[in-house]
C-alpha atoms as a PDB file:
ATOM      1  CA  MET A   1     140.088 197.606 121.849  1.00  0.00           C
ATOM      2  CA  ALA A   2     138.025 196.775 118.801  1.00  0.00           C
ATOM      3  CA  THR A   3     134.630 198.491 118.350  1.00  0.00           C
ATOM      4  CA  SER A   4     131.622 196.388 118.824  1.00  0.00           C
ATOM      5  CA  LEU A   5     129.723 195.136 115.797  1.00  0.00           C
ATOM      6  CA  PHE A   6     126.581 196.216 117.555  1.00  0.00           C
ATOM      7  CA  GLU A   7     127.644 199.525 119.100  1.00  0.00           C
ATOM      8  CA  ASN A   8     124.955 201.423 117.184  1.00  0.00           C
ATOM      9  CA  SER A   9     122.326 198.790 117.479  1.00  0.00           C
ATOM     10  CA  THR A  10     119.125 199.102 119.468  1.00  0.00           C
ATOM     11  CA  ALA A  11     118.804 195.543 120.717  1.00  0.00           C
ATOM     12  CA  PHE A  12     115.670 194.111 122.245  1.00  0.00           C
ATOM     13  CA  ALA A  13     114.438 190.882 123.734  1.00  0.00           C
ATOM     14  CA  SER A  14     111.410 188.930 122.648  1.00  0.00           C
ATOM     15  CA  PHE A  15     109.193 186.116 123.848  1.00  0.00           C
ATOM     16  CA  SER A  16     106.110 184.385 122.495  1.00  0.00           C
ATOM     17  CA  VAL A  17     102.467 184.588 123.636  1.00  0.00           C
ATOM     18  CA  ASP A  18      99.444 182.700 122.512  1.00  0.00           C
ATOM     19  CA  ASP A  19      97.294 185.757 121.778  1.00  0.00           C
ATOM     20  CA  ALA A  20      98.906 189.191 120.939  1.00  0.00           C
ATOM     21  CA  GLY A  21      95.654 191.098 121.588  1.00  0.00           C
ATOM     22  CA  ARG A  22      95.195 189.652 124.987  1.00  0.00           C
ATOM     23  CA  ALA A  23      98.807 190.193 125.866  1.00  0.00           C
ATOM     24  CA  ALA A  24      98.571 193.809 124.726  1.00  0.00           C
ATOM     25  CA  SER A  25      95.581 194.378 127.006  1.00  0.00           C
ATOM     26  CA  PHE A  26      97.413 192.898 130.005  1.00  0.00           C
ATOM     27  CA  TYR A  27     100.617 194.772 129.514  1.00  0.00           C
ATOM     28  CA  ARG A  28      98.791 198.053 128.752  1.00  0.00           C
ATOM     29  CA  ASP A  29      95.712 197.971 130.956  1.00  0.00           C
ATOM     30  CA  THR A  30      96.850 195.820 133.917  1.00  0.00           C
ATOM     31  CA  LEU A  31     100.562 196.698 134.124  1.00  0.00           C
ATOM     32  CA  GLY A  32     100.123 200.294 132.788  1.00  0.00           C
ATOM     33  CA  LEU A  33     102.903 200.026 130.142  1.00  0.00           C
ATOM     34  CA  SER A  34     102.847 201.607 126.712  1.00  0.00           C
ATOM     35  CA  VAL A  35     102.150 198.999 124.028  1.00  0.00           C
ATOM     36  CA  GLU A  36     102.462 199.431 120.263  1.00  0.00           C
ATOM     37  CA  GLU A  37     100.418 196.778 118.368  1.00  0.00           C
ATOM     38  CA  ALA A  38     101.025 195.362 114.930  1.00  0.00           C
ATOM     39  CA  ARG A  39      98.149 192.963 114.959  1.00  0.00           C
ATOM     40  CA  GLU A  40      98.357 192.118 111.278  1.00  0.00           C
ATOM     41  CA  HIS A  41     101.763 190.634 112.080  1.00  0.00           C
ATOM     42  CA  GLY A  42     100.705 189.157 115.451  1.00  0.00           C
ATOM     43  CA  VAL A  43     103.318 191.212 117.351  1.00  0.00           C
ATOM     44  CA  ILE A  44     103.317 193.845 120.098  1.00  0.00           C
ATOM     45  CA  PHE A  45     106.072 196.071 121.235  1.00  0.00           C
ATOM     46  CA  ILE A  46     106.069 196.705 125.002  1.00  0.00           C
ATOM     47  CA  ASP A  47     107.907 199.903 126.177  1.00  0.00           C
ATOM     48  CA  LEU A  48     109.660 199.271 129.419  1.00  0.00           C
ATOM     49  CA  PRO A  49     110.595 201.831 132.034  1.00  0.00           C
ATOM     50  CA  GLY A  50     114.108 203.117 131.396  1.00  0.00           C
ATOM     51  CA  GLY A  51     113.714 203.304 127.668  1.00  0.00           C
ATOM     52  CA  SER A  52     114.001 199.612 126.536  1.00  0.00           C
ATOM     53  CA  ARG A  53     111.328 197.695 124.726  1.00  0.00           C
ATOM     54  CA  VAL A  54     110.500 194.040 124.276  1.00  0.00           C
ATOM     55  CA  LEU A  55     108.702 192.311 121.416  1.00  0.00           C
ATOM     56  CA  ALA A  56     105.963 189.781 122.111  1.00  0.00           C
ATOM     57  CA  TYR A  57     104.854 187.769 119.212  1.00  0.00           C
ATOM     58  CA  ALA A  58     101.939 185.344 118.720  1.00  0.00           C
ATOM     59  CA  LYS A  59     102.922 181.815 118.176  1.00  0.00           C
ATOM     60  CA  ASP A  60     100.412 179.004 117.451  1.00  0.00           C
ATOM     61  CA  THR A  61     102.538 176.485 119.291  1.00  0.00           C
ATOM     62  CA  HIS A  62     103.253 178.771 122.250  1.00  0.00           C
ATOM     63  CA  GLU A  63     104.451 177.230 125.431  1.00  0.00           C
ATOM     64  CA  PRO A  64     104.904 179.429 128.452  1.00  0.00           C
ATOM     65  CA  ALA A  65     108.562 180.216 129.306  1.00  0.00           C
ATOM     66  CA  THR A  66     109.723 178.121 132.279  1.00  0.00           C
ATOM     67  CA  PHE A  67     111.876 181.039 133.451  1.00  0.00           C
ATOM     68  CA  THR A  68     111.288 184.723 134.218  1.00  0.00           C
ATOM     69  CA  VAL A  69     110.996 186.678 130.961  1.00  0.00           C
ATOM     70  CA  LEU A  70     110.708 190.178 132.504  1.00  0.00           C
ATOM     71  CA  ASN A  71     111.958 191.598 135.814  1.00  0.00           C
ATOM     72  CA  PHE A  72     110.649 194.929 137.187  1.00  0.00           C
ATOM     73  CA  PRO A  73     112.852 196.407 139.987  1.00  0.00           C
ATOM     74  CA  VAL A  74     110.691 198.344 142.464  1.00  0.00           C
ATOM     75  CA  PRO A  75     111.584 200.201 145.663  1.00  0.00           C
ATOM     76  CA  ASP A  76     108.956 198.330 147.682  1.00  0.00           C
ATOM     77  CA  VAL A  77     107.965 194.796 146.646  1.00  0.00           C
ATOM     78  CA  GLU A  78     105.170 194.509 149.262  1.00  0.00           C
ATOM     79  CA  ALA A  79     103.552 197.729 147.908  1.00  0.00           C
ATOM     80  CA  ALA A  80     103.995 196.541 144.322  1.00  0.00           C
ATOM     81  CA  VAL A  81     102.450 193.170 145.126  1.00  0.00           C
ATOM     82  CA  ALA A  82      99.452 194.878 146.814  1.00  0.00           C
ATOM     83  CA  ALA A  83      98.949 197.308 143.865  1.00  0.00           C
ATOM     84  CA  LEU A  84      99.093 194.518 141.369  1.00  0.00           C
ATOM     85  CA  LYS A  85      96.669 192.397 143.294  1.00  0.00           C
ATOM     86  CA  GLU A  86      94.207 195.315 143.246  1.00  0.00           C
ATOM     87  CA  ARG A  87      94.524 195.182 139.452  1.00  0.00           C
ATOM     88  CA  GLY A  88      93.659 191.541 139.395  1.00  0.00           C
ATOM     89  CA  VAL A  89      97.062 190.004 139.241  1.00  0.00           C
ATOM     90  CA  THR A  90      97.532 186.576 140.905  1.00  0.00           C
ATOM     91  CA  PHE A  91     100.969 185.762 142.317  1.00  0.00           C
ATOM     92  CA  LEU A  92     102.681 182.412 141.936  1.00  0.00           C
ATOM     93  CA  HIS A  93     103.374 180.428 145.056  1.00  0.00           C
ATOM     94  CA  TYR A  94     106.436 178.151 145.254  1.00  0.00           C
ATOM     95  CA  ALA A  95     105.945 175.863 148.275  1.00  0.00           C
ATOM     96  CA  GLY A  96     108.487 173.370 149.308  1.00  0.00           C
ATOM     97  CA  THR A  97     111.178 174.632 146.889  1.00  0.00           C
ATOM     98  CA  PRO A  98     114.341 176.620 147.445  1.00  0.00           C
ATOM     99  CA  MET A  99     112.382 179.650 146.146  1.00  0.00           C
ATOM    100  CA  GLU A 100     109.514 179.175 148.553  1.00  0.00           C
ATOM    101  CA  THR A 101     107.141 182.154 148.818  1.00  0.00           C
ATOM    102  CA  ASP A 102     105.088 183.335 151.684  1.00  0.00           C
ATOM    103  CA  GLU A 103     101.244 183.865 151.818  1.00  0.00           C
ATOM    104  CA  GLN A 104     101.661 187.094 149.766  1.00  0.00           C
ATOM    105  CA  GLY A 105     103.683 185.350 147.147  1.00  0.00           C
ATOM    106  CA  ILE A 106     106.945 186.939 148.098  1.00  0.00           C
ATOM    107  CA  PHE A 107     110.292 185.115 148.372  1.00  0.00           C
ATOM    108  CA  ARG A 108     112.142 186.216 151.505  1.00  0.00           C
ATOM    109  CA  GLY A 109     114.860 183.517 151.624  1.00  0.00           C
ATOM    110  CA  GLY A 110     117.894 185.707 150.951  1.00  0.00           C
ATOM    111  CA  GLY A 111     118.838 188.259 148.377  1.00  0.00           C
ATOM    112  CA  PRO A 112     116.253 190.787 147.190  1.00  0.00           C
ATOM    113  CA  LEU A 113     112.602 190.255 148.041  1.00  0.00           C
ATOM    114  CA  ILE A 114     110.953 189.000 144.889  1.00  0.00           C
ATOM    115  CA  ALA A 115     107.514 187.971 143.722  1.00  0.00           C
ATOM    116  CA  TRP A 116     106.418 186.290 140.527  1.00  0.00           C
ATOM    117  CA  PHE A 117     103.202 186.329 138.503  1.00  0.00           C
ATOM    118  CA  SER A 118     102.263 185.267 134.950  1.00  0.00           C
ATOM    119  CA  ASP A 119     101.004 187.106 131.964  1.00  0.00           C
ATOM    120  CA  PRO A 120      97.880 185.731 130.203  1.00  0.00           C
ATOM    121  CA  ALA A 121     100.061 183.433 128.113  1.00  0.00           C
ATOM    122  CA  GLY A 122     101.718 181.916 131.184  1.00  0.00           C
ATOM    123  CA  ASN A 123     105.082 183.655 130.870  1.00  0.00           C
ATOM    124  CA  VAL A 124     106.650 184.515 134.239  1.00  0.00           C
ATOM    125  CA  ILE A 125     107.269 188.112 135.310  1.00  0.00           C
ATOM    126  CA  ALA A 126     108.838 189.214 138.511  1.00  0.00           C
ATOM    127  CA  VAL A 127     108.881 192.340 140.701  1.00  0.00           C
ATOM    128  CA  LEU A 128     111.991 192.518 142.889  1.00  0.00           C
ATOM    129  CA  GLU A 129     113.070 195.009 145.470  1.00  0.00           C
ATOM    130  CA  ASP A 130     115.803 197.313 144.349  1.00  0.00           C
ATOM    131  CA  SER A 131     116.710 199.302 147.424  1.00  0.00           C
END
């Protein structure tokens, strides 16, 4: 088997935001993640649980992602939703769709329980039950 070209690489994902400072505050202060800012370059590194990190970069023509950019597995979605709501997070509601959510914003239609919310730039983030 051939060795991977990237076997020693520390890969990371990235997505755009409209305001790096506002995104840094949200990910650090609201979600409680460690954030490293490089404001002169308009980027932030968000340290994720488990040792990974993601880069968020300011983009003048930013358009929110139409898909989930981050997923946070949690042991109890209902508890995570309640705790995030206490921190001011508003959950997305998908009524009349295959991913219809309940009044709490939780999808219960098969598979893991999952709830979606947006960062200040409109990018979608999910908490999903990992039992």
